Amino acid sequence: MSNKRYNINLQIIGCKVGATSIIKRFCNKEFEKKPLHQDFYNIIIENFKINVWDHCIPNYYYIGIPAFILKNFDGIIMVYDITNIKSFNFIKTHWYQEYLKEKSNNENEVMDNKKKIYDHLMIIGTKSDERDKSNFKECVNSDAARDYAHSIGALFFEVSSKENLNINESFNELINKIKLNYNQNGEEILQYSIINI
């Protein structure tokens, strides 16, 4: 690969579920219990600049994901709070459905204009350190969440920003999958595949 630096663009979707904390842990190598939200972060890994957009639409104010949020990204990360089953169900009933709708709307445009299509999806459950015997039954079941993620072709991780558990592993697995879109010269290989539902 050449010395030129290439961009990988990731979009994180989730609000009040610890999404900002996992981004700051990955990009800034720090943990804040109540981090201030900002829209954009980045980190350099080898010849790649990883750009991470942190998008927050409160579930109670849900009016759909604006189309521009799902365009021109190499990877989409949907985040839920392990201790909040509603946040996981919201991915299934809203975020993922919006993702499918926008992807379908843009399929012909992508094919006609030879633009990349985002087909790298990951689901992350945060606050794994907060699951214990006292609240186990109230938490999202790991196996059920993993099975759902795999059924839609998504990567799956449970993470803890506080304990720094699976933060690097989750991002690196997604990034390494995206890197496969680049040839040895660093040129992007266009992707036209659609997630199998």
C-alpha atoms as a PDB file:
ATOM      1  CA  MET A   1       0.000   0.000   0.000  1.00  0.00           C
ATOM      2  CA  SER A   2       1.272   3.486  -0.797  1.00  0.00           C
ATOM      3  CA  ASN A   3       2.184   6.187   1.726  1.00  0.00           C
ATOM      4  CA  LYS A   4      -0.989   8.070   0.930  1.00  0.00           C
ATOM      5  CA  ARG A   5      -3.548   8.262   3.722  1.00  0.00           C
ATOM      6  CA  TYR A   6      -7.088   7.000   3.094  1.00  0.00           C
ATOM      7  CA  ASN A   7     -10.321   7.793   4.886  1.00  0.00           C
ATOM      8  CA  ILE A   8     -12.638   5.289   6.515  1.00  0.00           C
ATOM      9  CA  ASN A   9     -15.907   6.897   7.586  1.00  0.00           C
ATOM     10  CA  LEU A  10     -17.997   5.392  10.366  1.00  0.00           C
ATOM     11  CA  GLN A  11     -21.420   6.525  11.566  1.00  0.00           C
ATOM     12  CA  ILE A  12     -22.570   5.676  15.094  1.00  0.00           C
ATOM     13  CA  ILE A  13     -26.288   5.769  15.864  1.00  0.00           C
ATOM     14  CA  GLY A  14     -27.625   5.705  19.409  1.00  0.00           C
ATOM     15  CA  CYS A  15     -28.618   8.207  22.083  1.00  0.00           C
ATOM     16  CA  LYS A  16     -28.187   8.007  25.862  1.00  0.00           C
ATOM     17  CA  VAL A  17     -26.811   4.483  25.541  1.00  0.00           C
ATOM     18  CA  GLY A  18     -23.096   5.165  26.056  1.00  0.00           C
ATOM     19  CA  ALA A  19     -22.224   5.642  22.371  1.00  0.00           C
ATOM     20  CA  THR A  20     -20.135   8.772  22.971  1.00  0.00           C
ATOM     21  CA  SER A  21     -18.198   6.996  25.720  1.00  0.00           C
ATOM     22  CA  ILE A  22     -17.130   4.151  23.447  1.00  0.00           C
ATOM     23  CA  ILE A  23     -16.006   6.594  20.745  1.00  0.00           C
ATOM     24  CA  LYS A  24     -13.936   8.617  23.206  1.00  0.00           C
ATOM     25  CA  ARG A  25     -12.419   5.444  24.632  1.00  0.00           C
ATOM     26  CA  PHE A  26     -11.431   4.301  21.145  1.00  0.00           C
ATOM     27  CA  CYS A  27     -10.326   7.598  19.602  1.00  0.00           C
ATOM     28  CA  ASN A  28      -9.044   9.542  22.621  1.00  0.00           C
ATOM     29  CA  LYS A  29      -8.086   6.617  24.892  1.00  0.00           C
ATOM     30  CA  GLU A  30     -10.037   8.110  27.768  1.00  0.00           C
ATOM     31  CA  PHE A  31     -13.159   7.414  29.788  1.00  0.00           C
ATOM     32  CA  GLU A  32     -15.647   9.976  31.022  1.00  0.00           C
ATOM     33  CA  LYS A  33     -18.690   8.925  33.025  1.00  0.00           C
ATOM     34  CA  LYS A  34     -20.776  11.731  31.509  1.00  0.00           C
ATOM     35  CA  PRO A  35     -18.898  12.823  28.372  1.00  0.00           C
ATOM     36  CA  LEU A  36     -19.824  15.944  26.472  1.00  0.00           C
ATOM     37  CA  HIS A  37     -21.246  15.062  23.070  1.00  0.00           C
ATOM     38  CA  GLN A  38     -19.499  16.209  19.935  1.00  0.00           C
ATOM     39  CA  ASP A  39     -20.295  15.325  16.347  1.00  0.00           C
ATOM     40  CA  PHE A  40     -16.939  14.179  15.017  1.00  0.00           C
ATOM     41  CA  TYR A  41     -13.859  12.251  16.157  1.00  0.00           C
ATOM     42  CA  ASN A  42     -10.917  10.703  14.338  1.00  0.00           C
ATOM     43  CA  ILE A  43      -7.904   8.482  14.861  1.00  0.00           C
ATOM     44  CA  ILE A  44      -4.998   7.458  12.598  1.00  0.00           C
ATOM     45  CA  ILE A  45      -4.358   3.733  12.127  1.00  0.00           C
ATOM     46  CA  GLU A  46      -1.545   2.891   9.714  1.00  0.00           C
ATOM     47  CA  ASN A  47      -2.405   4.472   6.344  1.00  0.00           C
ATOM     48  CA  PHE A  48      -6.009   5.083   7.302  1.00  0.00           C
ATOM     49  CA  LYS A  49      -7.697   8.031   8.954  1.00  0.00           C
ATOM     50  CA  ILE A  50     -10.710   6.698  10.819  1.00  0.00           C
ATOM     51  CA  ASN A  51     -13.447   9.358  10.946  1.00  0.00           C
ATOM     52  CA  VAL A  52     -16.259   8.681  13.395  1.00  0.00           C
ATOM     53  CA  TRP A  53     -19.514  10.632  13.396  1.00  0.00           C
ATOM     54  CA  ASP A  54     -21.548  10.470  16.604  1.00  0.00           C
ATOM     55  CA  HIS A  55     -25.221  10.893  15.759  1.00  0.00           C
ATOM     56  CA  CYS A  56     -27.815  11.194  18.500  1.00  0.00           C
ATOM     57  CA  ILE A  57     -31.576  11.255  17.925  1.00  0.00           C
ATOM     58  CA  PRO A  58     -33.392  10.671  21.246  1.00  0.00           C
ATOM     59  CA  ASN A  59     -35.727   7.680  20.944  1.00  0.00           C
ATOM     60  CA  TYR A  60     -38.595   9.637  22.445  1.00  0.00           C
ATOM     61  CA  TYR A  61     -38.221  12.237  19.669  1.00  0.00           C
ATOM     62  CA  TYR A  62     -37.864   9.713  16.882  1.00  0.00           C
ATOM     63  CA  ILE A  63     -38.921  11.025  13.473  1.00  0.00           C
ATOM     64  CA  GLY A  64     -36.708   8.816  11.338  1.00  0.00           C
ATOM     65  CA  ILE A  65     -33.057   8.985  10.419  1.00  0.00           C
ATOM     66  CA  PRO A  66     -32.295  11.808   7.962  1.00  0.00           C
ATOM     67  CA  ALA A  67     -31.129  10.287   4.669  1.00  0.00           C
ATOM     68  CA  PHE A  68     -27.785  12.128   4.660  1.00  0.00           C
ATOM     69  CA  ILE A  69     -26.762  10.368   7.873  1.00  0.00           C
ATOM     70  CA  LEU A  70     -26.689   6.989   6.139  1.00  0.00           C
ATOM     71  CA  LYS A  71     -24.969   8.121   2.939  1.00  0.00           C
ATOM     72  CA  ASN A  72     -21.305   7.799   2.043  1.00  0.00           C
ATOM     73  CA  PHE A  73     -20.272   5.861   5.109  1.00  0.00           C
ATOM     74  CA  ASP A  74     -18.120   2.752   5.050  1.00  0.00           C
ATOM     75  CA  GLY A  75     -19.664   1.380   8.216  1.00  0.00           C
ATOM     76  CA  ILE A  76     -22.744   1.926  10.357  1.00  0.00           C
ATOM     77  CA  ILE A  77     -22.638   1.122  14.088  1.00  0.00           C
ATOM     78  CA  MET A  78     -25.915   0.826  15.994  1.00  0.00           C
ATOM     79  CA  VAL A  79     -25.574   1.021  19.761  1.00  0.00           C
ATOM     80  CA  TYR A  80     -27.815  -0.089  22.618  1.00  0.00           C
ATOM     81  CA  ASP A  81     -27.522  -0.190  26.399  1.00  0.00           C
ATOM     82  CA  ILE A  82     -27.350  -3.772  27.725  1.00  0.00           C
ATOM     83  CA  THR A  83     -29.305  -2.741  30.832  1.00  0.00           C
ATOM     84  CA  ASN A  84     -32.100  -1.193  28.750  1.00  0.00           C
ATOM     85  CA  ILE A  85     -34.038  -3.720  26.664  1.00  0.00           C
ATOM     86  CA  LYS A  86     -36.048  -0.942  25.022  1.00  0.00           C
ATOM     87  CA  SER A  87     -32.881   0.485  23.478  1.00  0.00           C
ATOM     88  CA  PHE A  88     -32.129  -2.877  21.850  1.00  0.00           C
ATOM     89  CA  ASN A  89     -35.685  -3.290  20.596  1.00  0.00           C
ATOM     90  CA  PHE A  90     -35.483   0.201  19.114  1.00  0.00           C
ATOM     91  CA  ILE A  91     -32.635  -0.935  16.874  1.00  0.00           C
ATOM     92  CA  LYS A  92     -34.823  -3.726  15.516  1.00  0.00           C
ATOM     93  CA  THR A  93     -38.001  -1.706  15.070  1.00  0.00           C
ATOM     94  CA  HIS A  94     -36.583   1.666  13.981  1.00  0.00           C
ATOM     95  CA  TRP A  95     -32.859   2.154  13.325  1.00  0.00           C
ATOM     96  CA  TYR A  96     -32.388  -0.998  11.259  1.00  0.00           C
ATOM     97  CA  GLN A  97     -35.629  -0.499   9.353  1.00  0.00           C
ATOM     98  CA  GLU A  98     -34.543   3.034   8.433  1.00  0.00           C
ATOM     99  CA  TYR A  99     -31.174   1.642   7.372  1.00  0.00           C
ATOM    100  CA  LEU A 100     -32.886  -0.870   5.062  1.00  0.00           C
ATOM    101  CA  LYS A 101     -35.208   1.744   3.605  1.00  0.00           C
ATOM    102  CA  GLU A 102     -32.400   4.170   2.831  1.00  0.00           C
ATOM    103  CA  LYS A 103     -30.229   1.422   1.430  1.00  0.00           C
ATOM    104  CA  SER A 104     -33.034   0.287  -0.872  1.00  0.00           C
ATOM    105  CA  ASN A 105     -33.709   3.854  -2.006  1.00  0.00           C
ATOM    106  CA  ASN A 106     -30.088   4.306  -2.977  1.00  0.00           C
ATOM    107  CA  GLU A 107     -29.412   0.935  -4.579  1.00  0.00           C
ATOM    108  CA  ASN A 108     -30.061   2.098  -8.149  1.00  0.00           C
ATOM    109  CA  GLU A 109     -28.185   5.364  -7.614  1.00  0.00           C
ATOM    110  CA  VAL A 110     -25.173   3.475  -6.344  1.00  0.00           C
ATOM    111  CA  MET A 111     -25.169   1.055  -9.241  1.00  0.00           C
ATOM    112  CA  ASP A 112     -25.670   3.779 -11.874  1.00  0.00           C
ATOM    113  CA  ASN A 113     -23.029   6.160 -10.516  1.00  0.00           C
ATOM    114  CA  LYS A 114     -20.541   3.550  -9.313  1.00  0.00           C
ATOM    115  CA  LYS A 115     -20.627   4.903  -5.786  1.00  0.00           C
ATOM    116  CA  LYS A 116     -19.748   2.745  -2.837  1.00  0.00           C
ATOM    117  CA  ILE A 117     -22.596   1.155  -0.917  1.00  0.00           C
ATOM    118  CA  TYR A 118     -22.329   0.856   2.826  1.00  0.00           C
ATOM    119  CA  ASP A 119     -22.663  -2.815   3.661  1.00  0.00           C
ATOM    120  CA  HIS A 120     -20.620  -3.003   6.843  1.00  0.00           C
ATOM    121  CA  LEU A 121     -22.933  -3.017   9.823  1.00  0.00           C
ATOM    122  CA  MET A 122     -22.130  -3.587  13.497  1.00  0.00           C
ATOM    123  CA  ILE A 123     -24.315  -3.759  16.600  1.00  0.00           C
ATOM    124  CA  ILE A 124     -22.726  -2.915  19.939  1.00  0.00           C
ATOM    125  CA  GLY A 125     -24.172  -3.434  23.403  1.00  0.00           C
ATOM    126  CA  THR A 126     -22.620  -1.042  25.913  1.00  0.00           C
ATOM    127  CA  LYS A 127     -22.171  -1.155  29.716  1.00  0.00           C
ATOM    128  CA  SER A 128     -21.418  -4.865  29.908  1.00  0.00           C
ATOM    129  CA  ASP A 129     -19.794  -4.184  33.295  1.00  0.00           C
ATOM    130  CA  GLU A 130     -23.223  -3.256  34.716  1.00  0.00           C
ATOM    131  CA  ARG A 131     -24.770  -6.682  34.139  1.00  0.00           C
ATOM    132  CA  ASP A 132     -24.719  -8.786  37.297  1.00  0.00           C
ATOM    133  CA  LYS A 133     -26.781 -11.379  39.177  1.00  0.00           C
ATOM    134  CA  SER A 134     -29.123  -8.750  40.577  1.00  0.00           C
ATOM    135  CA  ASN A 135     -30.267  -7.418  37.179  1.00  0.00           C
ATOM    136  CA  PHE A 136     -29.411 -10.284  34.831  1.00  0.00           C
ATOM    137  CA  LYS A 137     -33.025 -11.042  33.892  1.00  0.00           C
ATOM    138  CA  GLU A 138     -33.727  -7.367  33.133  1.00  0.00           C
ATOM    139  CA  CYS A 139     -30.746  -7.050  30.784  1.00  0.00           C
ATOM    140  CA  VAL A 140     -30.604  -7.807  27.067  1.00  0.00           C
ATOM    141  CA  ASN A 141     -29.809 -11.485  26.539  1.00  0.00           C
ATOM    142  CA  SER A 142     -26.374 -11.797  24.925  1.00  0.00           C
ATOM    143  CA  ASP A 143     -27.220 -14.834  22.820  1.00  0.00           C
ATOM    144  CA  ALA A 144     -30.455 -13.289  21.518  1.00  0.00           C
ATOM    145  CA  ALA A 145     -28.688 -10.054  20.597  1.00  0.00           C
ATOM    146  CA  ARG A 146     -25.850 -11.933  18.902  1.00  0.00           C
ATOM    147  CA  ASP A 147     -28.288 -14.128  16.958  1.00  0.00           C
ATOM    148  CA  TYR A 148     -30.192 -11.066  15.765  1.00  0.00           C
ATOM    149  CA  ALA A 149     -27.012  -9.295  14.657  1.00  0.00           C
ATOM    150  CA  HIS A 150     -25.804 -12.340  12.756  1.00  0.00           C
ATOM    151  CA  SER A 151     -29.230 -12.782  11.135  1.00  0.00           C
ATOM    152  CA  ILE A 152     -28.882  -9.367   9.475  1.00  0.00           C
ATOM    153  CA  GLY A 153     -25.228  -9.830   8.563  1.00  0.00           C
ATOM    154  CA  ALA A 154     -23.906  -7.518  11.278  1.00  0.00           C
ATOM    155  CA  LEU A 155     -20.877  -7.842  13.499  1.00  0.00           C
ATOM    156  CA  PHE A 156     -21.714  -8.018  17.208  1.00  0.00           C
ATOM    157  CA  PHE A 157     -19.904  -7.021  20.375  1.00  0.00           C
ATOM    158  CA  GLU A 158     -20.697  -6.298  23.981  1.00  0.00           C
ATOM    159  CA  VAL A 159     -18.366  -3.669  25.380  1.00  0.00           C
ATOM    160  CA  SER A 160     -17.558  -1.666  28.481  1.00  0.00           C
ATOM    161  CA  SER A 161     -16.072   1.807  28.164  1.00  0.00           C
ATOM    162  CA  LYS A 162     -15.445   1.936  31.904  1.00  0.00           C
ATOM    163  CA  GLU A 163     -13.463  -1.312  31.927  1.00  0.00           C
ATOM    164  CA  ASN A 164     -12.083  -0.777  28.408  1.00  0.00           C
ATOM    165  CA  LEU A 165     -13.479  -4.154  27.404  1.00  0.00           C
ATOM    166  CA  ASN A 166     -13.824  -5.040  23.703  1.00  0.00           C
ATOM    167  CA  ILE A 167     -13.591  -1.403  22.607  1.00  0.00           C
ATOM    168  CA  ASN A 168     -10.530  -1.781  20.387  1.00  0.00           C
ATOM    169  CA  GLU A 169     -11.541  -5.297  19.361  1.00  0.00           C
ATOM    170  CA  SER A 170     -14.946  -4.205  18.071  1.00  0.00           C
ATOM    171  CA  PHE A 171     -13.745  -1.164  16.129  1.00  0.00           C
ATOM    172  CA  ASN A 172     -10.716  -2.989  14.748  1.00  0.00           C
ATOM    173  CA  GLU A 173     -12.783  -5.898  13.472  1.00  0.00           C
ATOM    174  CA  LEU A 174     -15.086  -3.534  11.603  1.00  0.00           C
ATOM    175  CA  ILE A 175     -12.181  -1.462  10.286  1.00  0.00           C
ATOM    176  CA  ASN A 176     -10.284  -4.549   9.137  1.00  0.00           C
ATOM    177  CA  LYS A 177     -13.383  -5.743   7.307  1.00  0.00           C
ATOM    178  CA  ILE A 178     -13.652  -2.381   5.553  1.00  0.00           C
ATOM    179  CA  LYS A 179      -9.945  -2.450   4.690  1.00  0.00           C
ATOM    180  CA  LEU A 180     -10.633  -5.494   2.532  1.00  0.00           C
ATOM    181  CA  ASN A 181     -12.331  -3.049   0.143  1.00  0.00           C
ATOM    182  CA  TYR A 182      -8.915  -1.603  -0.689  1.00  0.00           C
ATOM    183  CA  ASN A 183      -6.405  -3.225  -2.999  1.00  0.00           C
ATOM    184  CA  GLN A 184      -2.663  -3.312  -2.431  1.00  0.00           C
ATOM    185  CA  ASN A 185      -2.284   0.178  -3.900  1.00  0.00           C
ATOM    186  CA  GLY A 186      -4.803   1.629  -1.472  1.00  0.00           C
ATOM    187  CA  GLU A 187      -7.431   2.128  -4.177  1.00  0.00           C
ATOM    188  CA  GLU A 188     -10.983   1.532  -3.087  1.00  0.00           C
ATOM    189  CA  ILE A 189     -12.759  -1.457  -4.562  1.00  0.00           C
ATOM    190  CA  LEU A 190     -16.411  -0.588  -5.158  1.00  0.00           C
ATOM    191  CA  GLN A 191     -18.913  -2.722  -3.276  1.00  0.00           C
ATOM    192  CA  TYR A 192     -22.340  -3.556  -4.663  1.00  0.00           C
ATOM    193  CA  SER A 193     -23.452  -6.271  -2.275  1.00  0.00           C
ATOM    194  CA  ILE A 194     -26.675  -6.043  -0.304  1.00  0.00           C
ATOM    195  CA  ILE A 195     -27.175  -7.504   3.177  1.00  0.00           C
ATOM    196  CA  ASN A 196     -29.118 -10.738   3.040  1.00  0.00           C
ATOM    197  CA  ILE A 197     -32.219 -10.405   5.197  1.00  0.00           C
END
